[in-house]
Amino acid sequence: MANSKLKEIISRIEKTMVDDEPNRTRHFAHLGEEVCAVTYQPEENLFKLEDFKNQQTYQFDDIDLVAIEVYEIL
């Protein structure tokens, strides 16, 4: 059975939510090129997604939605 790419993305994003995690940002790359980054903002309980290809920034309050967006960018 193949590993779920979406599950891998969610797992990486979840690590930003750990209380003692100093690095709240995870970078995602495709073919060696960084295409986006997700930063967890605990004070607002929001995820900020920076899409480097389209030069857009989005905010999400749901980890599933941000993971789906990362998946689509990749």
Protein backbone atom coordinates (compact mmCIF):
# COMPACT_ATOMS: atom_id res chain seq x y z
CA MET A 1 0.00 0.00 0.00
CA ALA A 2 1.35 3.42 -0.98
CA ASN A 3 1.94 6.14 1.58
CA SER A 4 -0.52 9.00 1.55
CA LYS A 5 1.11 12.26 0.47
CA LEU A 6 -1.64 14.21 2.23
CA LYS A 7 -0.97 12.35 5.47
CA GLU A 8 2.75 13.22 5.20
CA ILE A 9 1.91 16.90 4.68
CA ILE A 10 -0.46 16.93 7.67
CA SER A 11 2.16 15.24 9.83
CA ARG A 12 4.73 17.92 9.00
CA ILE A 13 2.25 20.73 9.66
CA GLU A 14 1.14 19.17 12.98
CA LYS A 15 4.72 19.41 14.24
CA THR A 16 4.44 23.21 14.11
CA MET A 17 1.61 23.05 16.65
CA VAL A 18 3.65 21.38 19.43
CA ASP A 19 3.92 23.75 22.41
CA ASP A 20 7.70 23.57 22.77
CA GLU A 21 8.41 23.78 19.02
CA PRO A 22 10.64 26.83 18.36
CA ASN A 23 10.27 26.61 14.55
CA ARG A 24 6.63 27.18 13.61
CA THR A 25 7.32 27.12 9.84
CA ARG A 26 7.58 24.18 7.45
CA HIS A 27 8.87 24.59 3.90
CA PHE A 28 7.70 22.42 1.01
CA ALA A 29 9.64 21.84 -2.21
CA HIS A 30 8.96 20.25 -5.57
CA LEU A 31 11.87 18.93 -7.63
CA GLY A 32 14.29 20.73 -5.32
CA GLU A 33 12.57 24.11 -5.65
CA GLU A 34 10.85 25.59 -2.61
CA VAL A 35 7.26 26.30 -3.64
CA CYS A 36 5.50 27.17 -0.39
CA ALA A 37 5.77 27.49 3.38
CA VAL A 38 3.26 27.03 6.19
CA THR A 39 3.58 28.92 9.47
CA TYR A 40 1.43 28.15 12.49
CA GLN A 41 0.37 31.21 14.49
CA PRO A 42 -0.63 29.86 17.94
CA GLU A 43 -1.95 33.16 19.29
CA GLU A 44 -4.63 33.21 16.55
CA ASN A 45 -4.76 29.42 16.03
CA LEU A 46 -4.23 30.04 12.30
CA PHE A 47 -2.02 28.67 9.56
CA LYS A 48 -0.41 31.10 7.13
CA LEU A 49 0.43 29.62 3.73
CA GLU A 50 2.90 31.45 1.50
CA ASP A 51 2.68 30.35 -2.13
CA PHE A 52 6.00 31.43 -3.64
CA LYS A 53 5.08 30.53 -7.21
CA ASN A 54 1.99 32.75 -7.31
CA GLN A 55 3.27 35.24 -4.74
CA GLN A 56 0.12 34.85 -2.62
CA THR A 57 -0.46 34.49 1.11
CA TYR A 58 -3.47 32.68 2.56
CA GLN A 59 -4.75 32.03 6.08
CA PHE A 60 -6.55 28.90 7.22
CA ASP A 61 -8.10 27.87 10.51
CA ASP A 62 -8.29 24.19 9.52
CA ILE A 63 -5.24 21.93 9.14
CA ASP A 64 -6.98 19.79 6.52
CA LEU A 65 -7.65 22.78 4.27
CA VAL A 66 -4.09 24.06 4.46
CA ALA A 67 -2.75 20.55 3.77
CA ILE A 68 -4.97 20.22 0.70
CA GLU A 69 -3.73 23.59 -0.58
CA VAL A 70 -0.09 22.53 -0.06
CA TYR A 71 -0.82 19.29 -1.90
CA GLU A 72 -2.30 21.20 -4.84
CA ILE A 73 0.70 23.55 -5.00
CA LEU A 74 3.11 20.63 -4.98
